[in-house]
Every structure is written in structure tokens, then in C-alpha cells.
Amino acid sequence: MKKIMPLAVLIGSTFGLSSSVYAAAAQNNGVPVWNGKNPAPITLCVNTTDVYPPSSFVHLNNYYSNPQYSGPLKFNPNDAASMAIVEPDSLGLKSAFGSSKLFTTGLLKLSNTGNDNLIMPMPLIPAPTGVLPGKYQLFIHAASMKGRALSGPTITYNVISQCNK
């Protein structure tokens, strides 16, 4: 009996198509596709009395193409497959964003029904305690009714403690 190969694999291997063709095929199946962009790194200054700069806002939907009829994008801070973070003292280990100091102290929050806006509400006085200076990397993978994106943006927060007013 002959083995039948999926058409996309057959065409891809025959014509040497790139991974962007496979991403397009995934998009046609309704899975969100990352557009390849990352927000610029954001510097947060946290000392004992203030948090600077005032208000940052990242609209997560801006980093995905979401196929029609696949439902709204969703982001879950308590699921590391959806929103994972590497904190400065974690030795490179990823954990769910919802358990991070940036989230539990209220320094960063999610808003809207799909948790698709990442905001830093201001002012926070006194400033949150326990937020260590260093680089925090937040990895985002959106999901729709059809499945989860294969990749997504990385948002870098550089937390410093010497604030210049």
C-alpha cells in the first residue's frame, strides 16, 4: 500500500519552501501567528518611594495575525505556556508570569477580557517591595479557539533602582 504524504509537506520538500509557507498554512488553520516584532525594551526604575516612568502600555494583540473566525486572542498569566517569565534571580528558568514579582506586586497588570493589554498602572507609592533590579524577560504565546501560536514576542523589562527624576 502506498503511503500518502500531506500536500503541504510534499510541496514544501519538492520546491524547498521556507518556514514562512508553513506559518501561512498554520494561519489558514486558525492558529494565531506571531508577526516577528518585539516591543522595545522598557526601563522601570523602582526605589523605596517611586516608580518611573509613568505608565507603560503594551497591547499584545498588535504582535499577532489572528485568522478570521478563530475567535479572540487569549493570554493567561497563570499558564507558563501562555505567558512565561525569566526573572533575574531565576537562573534562566521560566515560570508563569502570574507568579512573578512584577505581577504579584501590582507593578504590571493585565486588562481587558482576553488579558490582552499589559499595563503598568501609575503611580505606585509606596513602590512594590521585593522587585529585584535586573532584566525580566516575558515570553508571550497567544491562543485562539483553534490553538496556540508556535512563537511570540519577548518583552524585556530592565528594572533599575537609581531613579533620575
C-alpha atoms as a PDB file:
ATOM      1  CA  MET A   1       0.000   0.000   0.000  1.00  0.00           C
ATOM      2  CA  LYS A   2       1.321   3.431  -0.918  1.00  0.00           C
ATOM      3  CA  LYS A   3       1.944   5.974   1.809  1.00  0.00           C
ATOM      4  CA  ILE A   4       0.212   9.307   1.157  1.00  0.00           C
ATOM      5  CA  MET A   5       2.139  12.409   2.221  1.00  0.00           C
ATOM      6  CA  PRO A   6       0.322  15.567   3.274  1.00  0.00           C
ATOM      7  CA  LEU A   7       0.203  18.032   0.388  1.00  0.00           C
ATOM      8  CA  ALA A   8       1.998  20.840   2.258  1.00  0.00           C
ATOM      9  CA  VAL A   9       4.946  18.562   3.120  1.00  0.00           C
ATOM     10  CA  LEU A  10       5.138  17.217  -0.422  1.00  0.00           C
ATOM     11  CA  ILE A  11       5.075  20.683  -1.991  1.00  0.00           C
ATOM     12  CA  GLY A  12       7.493  22.087   0.613  1.00  0.00           C
ATOM     13  CA  SER A  13      10.040  19.333   0.179  1.00  0.00           C
ATOM     14  CA  THR A  14       9.720  19.374  -3.613  1.00  0.00           C
ATOM     15  CA  PHE A  15      10.168  23.124  -4.028  1.00  0.00           C
ATOM     16  CA  GLY A  16      12.291  23.907  -0.944  1.00  0.00           C
ATOM     17  CA  LEU A  17       9.722  26.231   0.604  1.00  0.00           C
ATOM     18  CA  SER A  18      10.643  28.165   3.718  1.00  0.00           C
ATOM     19  CA  SER A  19       9.087  28.012   7.172  1.00  0.00           C
ATOM     20  CA  SER A  20       7.014  31.104   6.318  1.00  0.00           C
ATOM     21  CA  VAL A  21       4.963  28.900   3.992  1.00  0.00           C
ATOM     22  CA  TYR A  22       4.285  26.542   6.880  1.00  0.00           C
ATOM     23  CA  ALA A  23       3.380  29.533   9.091  1.00  0.00           C
ATOM     24  CA  ALA A  24       0.907  30.619   6.426  1.00  0.00           C
ATOM     25  CA  ALA A  25      -0.565  27.119   6.416  1.00  0.00           C
ATOM     26  CA  ALA A  26      -0.894  27.244  10.215  1.00  0.00           C
ATOM     27  CA  GLN A  27      -2.604  30.611   9.928  1.00  0.00           C
ATOM     28  CA  ASN A  28      -5.098  29.154   7.478  1.00  0.00           C
ATOM     29  CA  ASN A  29      -5.915  26.547  10.124  1.00  0.00           C
ATOM     30  CA  GLY A  30      -6.845  29.326  12.551  1.00  0.00           C
ATOM     31  CA  VAL A  31      -3.792  29.299  14.831  1.00  0.00           C
ATOM     32  CA  PRO A  32      -2.501  32.806  15.709  1.00  0.00           C
ATOM     33  CA  VAL A  33       0.808  33.668  14.029  1.00  0.00           C
ATOM     34  CA  TRP A  34       3.416  35.997  15.567  1.00  0.00           C
ATOM     35  CA  ASN A  35       4.307  38.868  13.207  1.00  0.00           C
ATOM     36  CA  GLY A  36       8.005  38.775  14.158  1.00  0.00           C
ATOM     37  CA  LYS A  37       8.035  42.074  16.070  1.00  0.00           C
ATOM     38  CA  ASN A  38       9.059  42.695  19.687  1.00  0.00           C
ATOM     39  CA  PRO A  39       8.331  45.810  21.726  1.00  0.00           C
ATOM     40  CA  ALA A  40      11.332  47.977  22.555  1.00  0.00           C
ATOM     41  CA  PRO A  41      12.839  47.165  25.976  1.00  0.00           C
ATOM     42  CA  ILE A  42      11.150  49.081  28.778  1.00  0.00           C
ATOM     43  CA  THR A  43      13.146  50.509  31.693  1.00  0.00           C
ATOM     44  CA  LEU A  44      11.400  50.654  35.050  1.00  0.00           C
ATOM     45  CA  CYS A  45      13.007  52.458  37.953  1.00  0.00           C
ATOM     46  CA  VAL A  46      11.813  51.134  41.292  1.00  0.00           C
ATOM     47  CA  ASN A  47      13.119  52.607  44.545  1.00  0.00           C
ATOM     48  CA  THR A  48      11.605  52.933  48.007  1.00  0.00           C
ATOM     49  CA  THR A  49       9.336  55.867  47.203  1.00  0.00           C
ATOM     50  CA  ASP A  50       8.609  55.995  43.485  1.00  0.00           C
ATOM     51  CA  VAL A  51       8.251  54.039  40.282  1.00  0.00           C
ATOM     52  CA  TYR A  52       9.323  55.605  36.980  1.00  0.00           C
ATOM     53  CA  PRO A  53       8.478  56.083  34.142  1.00  0.00           C
ATOM     54  CA  PRO A  54       4.803  56.860  34.476  1.00  0.00           C
ATOM     55  CA  SER A  55       2.623  54.288  32.786  1.00  0.00           C
ATOM     56  CA  SER A  56       3.702  51.789  30.176  1.00  0.00           C
ATOM     57  CA  PHE A  57       1.201  50.029  27.959  1.00  0.00           C
ATOM     58  CA  VAL A  58       1.724  47.054  25.631  1.00  0.00           C
ATOM     59  CA  HIS A  59      -1.200  45.873  23.512  1.00  0.00           C
ATOM     60  CA  LEU A  60      -0.380  42.186  22.982  1.00  0.00           C
ATOM     61  CA  ASN A  61      -2.767  41.707  20.043  1.00  0.00           C
ATOM     62  CA  ASN A  62      -0.531  44.009  17.961  1.00  0.00           C
ATOM     63  CA  TYR A  63       2.067  41.235  17.737  1.00  0.00           C
ATOM     64  CA  TYR A  64      -0.132  38.566  16.128  1.00  0.00           C
ATOM     65  CA  SER A  65      -2.056  37.868  12.961  1.00  0.00           C
ATOM     66  CA  ASN A  66      -5.268  36.197  14.047  1.00  0.00           C
ATOM     67  CA  PRO A  67      -7.144  34.425  11.262  1.00  0.00           C
ATOM     68  CA  GLN A  68     -10.774  35.276  10.724  1.00  0.00           C
ATOM     69  CA  TYR A  69     -13.305  33.060  12.530  1.00  0.00           C
ATOM     70  CA  SER A  70     -10.746  31.704  15.009  1.00  0.00           C
ATOM     71  CA  GLY A  71     -12.055  33.681  17.982  1.00  0.00           C
ATOM     72  CA  PRO A  72     -10.361  36.360  20.090  1.00  0.00           C
ATOM     73  CA  LEU A  73      -6.790  36.008  21.290  1.00  0.00           C
ATOM     74  CA  LYS A  74      -6.346  34.951  24.904  1.00  0.00           C
ATOM     75  CA  PHE A  75      -3.416  35.325  27.283  1.00  0.00           C
ATOM     76  CA  ASN A  76      -3.292  33.504  30.638  1.00  0.00           C
ATOM     77  CA  PRO A  77      -0.841  34.849  33.258  1.00  0.00           C
ATOM     78  CA  ASN A  78      -1.058  31.618  35.284  1.00  0.00           C
ATOM     79  CA  ASP A  79      -0.089  29.322  32.391  1.00  0.00           C
ATOM     80  CA  ALA A  80       3.618  29.327  31.536  1.00  0.00           C
ATOM     81  CA  ALA A  81       2.777  28.041  28.036  1.00  0.00           C
ATOM     82  CA  SER A  82       0.870  31.304  27.502  1.00  0.00           C
ATOM     83  CA  MET A  83       2.899  33.872  29.459  1.00  0.00           C
ATOM     84  CA  ALA A  84       6.286  32.786  30.808  1.00  0.00           C
ATOM     85  CA  ILE A  85       8.829  34.972  32.545  1.00  0.00           C
ATOM     86  CA  VAL A  86      12.519  34.676  33.353  1.00  0.00           C
ATOM     87  CA  GLU A  87      13.394  36.777  36.407  1.00  0.00           C
ATOM     88  CA  PRO A  88      16.926  37.990  37.255  1.00  0.00           C
ATOM     89  CA  ASP A  89      17.368  35.562  40.165  1.00  0.00           C
ATOM     90  CA  SER A  90      15.800  32.510  38.484  1.00  0.00           C
ATOM     91  CA  LEU A  91      18.986  31.129  36.876  1.00  0.00           C
ATOM     92  CA  GLY A  92      17.283  31.269  33.483  1.00  0.00           C
ATOM     93  CA  LEU A  93      14.272  29.188  34.490  1.00  0.00           C
ATOM     94  CA  LYS A  94      10.879  30.162  33.102  1.00  0.00           C
ATOM     95  CA  SER A  95       7.816  30.353  35.309  1.00  0.00           C
ATOM     96  CA  ALA A  96       4.248  31.550  34.866  1.00  0.00           C
ATOM     97  CA  PHE A  97       4.035  35.344  34.692  1.00  0.00           C
ATOM     98  CA  GLY A  98       1.232  35.321  37.297  1.00  0.00           C
ATOM     99  CA  SER A  99       3.650  34.140  39.995  1.00  0.00           C
ATOM    100  CA  SER A 100       6.362  36.721  39.194  1.00  0.00           C
ATOM    101  CA  LYS A 101       7.190  39.705  41.407  1.00  0.00           C
ATOM    102  CA  LEU A 102       6.286  42.072  38.559  1.00  0.00           C
ATOM    103  CA  PHE A 103       2.742  40.655  38.595  1.00  0.00           C
ATOM    104  CA  THR A 104       2.132  39.841  42.276  1.00  0.00           C
ATOM    105  CA  THR A 105       3.292  43.281  43.465  1.00  0.00           C
ATOM    106  CA  GLY A 106       0.954  45.032  41.025  1.00  0.00           C
ATOM    107  CA  LEU A 107       3.814  46.599  39.072  1.00  0.00           C
ATOM    108  CA  LEU A 108       2.420  45.053  35.865  1.00  0.00           C
ATOM    109  CA  LYS A 109      -1.199  44.090  35.280  1.00  0.00           C
ATOM    110  CA  LEU A 110      -3.314  42.635  32.523  1.00  0.00           C
ATOM    111  CA  SER A 111      -6.547  44.221  31.425  1.00  0.00           C
ATOM    112  CA  ASN A 112      -9.467  43.603  29.050  1.00  0.00           C
ATOM    113  CA  THR A 113     -11.463  40.402  28.771  1.00  0.00           C
ATOM    114  CA  GLY A 114      -8.720  38.468  26.962  1.00  0.00           C
ATOM    115  CA  ASN A 115      -5.949  39.854  29.187  1.00  0.00           C
ATOM    116  CA  ASP A 116      -4.560  41.415  26.021  1.00  0.00           C
ATOM    117  CA  ASN A 117      -3.304  44.710  27.468  1.00  0.00           C
ATOM    118  CA  LEU A 118      -0.194  44.661  29.631  1.00  0.00           C
ATOM    119  CA  ILE A 119      -0.145  47.830  31.710  1.00  0.00           C
ATOM    120  CA  MET A 120       1.936  49.416  34.413  1.00  0.00           C
ATOM    121  CA  PRO A 121      -0.536  51.437  36.492  1.00  0.00           C
ATOM    122  CA  MET A 122       0.787  54.657  37.999  1.00  0.00           C
ATOM    123  CA  PRO A 123       1.569  55.960  40.498  1.00  0.00           C
ATOM    124  CA  LEU A 124       2.514  53.165  42.871  1.00  0.00           C
ATOM    125  CA  ILE A 125       3.517  54.764  46.160  1.00  0.00           C
ATOM    126  CA  PRO A 126       4.999  53.189  48.127  1.00  0.00           C
ATOM    127  CA  ALA A 127       6.806  51.280  45.442  1.00  0.00           C
ATOM    128  CA  PRO A 128       6.462  47.483  45.414  1.00  0.00           C
ATOM    129  CA  THR A 129       8.924  45.631  47.607  1.00  0.00           C
ATOM    130  CA  GLY A 130      10.789  42.519  46.575  1.00  0.00           C
ATOM    131  CA  VAL A 131      11.219  43.534  42.925  1.00  0.00           C
ATOM    132  CA  LEU A 132      14.923  42.941  42.298  1.00  0.00           C
ATOM    133  CA  PRO A 133      16.878  45.095  39.860  1.00  0.00           C
ATOM    134  CA  GLY A 134      17.803  43.293  36.667  1.00  0.00           C
ATOM    135  CA  LYS A 135      16.421  42.060  33.373  1.00  0.00           C
ATOM    136  CA  TYR A 136      12.968  40.446  33.299  1.00  0.00           C
ATOM    137  CA  GLN A 137      12.065  38.685  30.048  1.00  0.00           C
ATOM    138  CA  LEU A 138       8.410  37.977  29.379  1.00  0.00           C
ATOM    139  CA  PHE A 139       7.614  35.430  26.636  1.00  0.00           C
ATOM    140  CA  ILE A 140       4.121  35.619  25.147  1.00  0.00           C
ATOM    141  CA  HIS A 141       2.231  32.910  23.205  1.00  0.00           C
ATOM    142  CA  ALA A 142      -1.313  33.855  22.242  1.00  0.00           C
ATOM    143  CA  ALA A 143      -4.084  31.292  21.926  1.00  0.00           C
ATOM    144  CA  SER A 144      -7.343  31.330  19.994  1.00  0.00           C
ATOM    145  CA  MET A 145     -10.162  28.790  19.788  1.00  0.00           C
ATOM    146  CA  LYS A 146      -8.052  26.954  17.165  1.00  0.00           C
ATOM    147  CA  GLY A 147      -4.868  26.597  19.204  1.00  0.00           C
ATOM    148  CA  ARG A 148      -1.755  28.340  20.499  1.00  0.00           C
ATOM    149  CA  ALA A 149       0.773  30.341  18.491  1.00  0.00           C
ATOM    150  CA  LEU A 150       4.026  28.481  17.857  1.00  0.00           C
ATOM    151  CA  SER A 151       6.086  31.555  18.766  1.00  0.00           C
ATOM    152  CA  GLY A 152       5.599  35.060  20.046  1.00  0.00           C
ATOM    153  CA  PRO A 153       7.162  38.301  21.192  1.00  0.00           C
ATOM    154  CA  THR A 154       9.589  38.750  24.053  1.00  0.00           C
ATOM    155  CA  ILE A 155       9.082  41.817  26.212  1.00  0.00           C
ATOM    156  CA  THR A 156      12.150  42.911  28.171  1.00  0.00           C
ATOM    157  CA  TYR A 157      11.785  44.954  31.346  1.00  0.00           C
ATOM    158  CA  ASN A 158      15.006  46.414  32.732  1.00  0.00           C
ATOM    159  CA  VAL A 159      14.383  47.188  36.403  1.00  0.00           C
ATOM    160  CA  ILE A 160      16.802  49.653  37.996  1.00  0.00           C
ATOM    161  CA  SER A 161      16.878  51.198  41.461  1.00  0.00           C
ATOM    162  CA  GLN A 162      18.700  54.502  40.850  1.00  0.00           C
ATOM    163  CA  CYS A 163      15.942  56.809  39.630  1.00  0.00           C
ATOM    164  CA  ASN A 164      16.635  60.114  37.891  1.00  0.00           C
ATOM    165  CA  LYS A 165      13.697  62.464  38.245  1.00  0.00           C
END
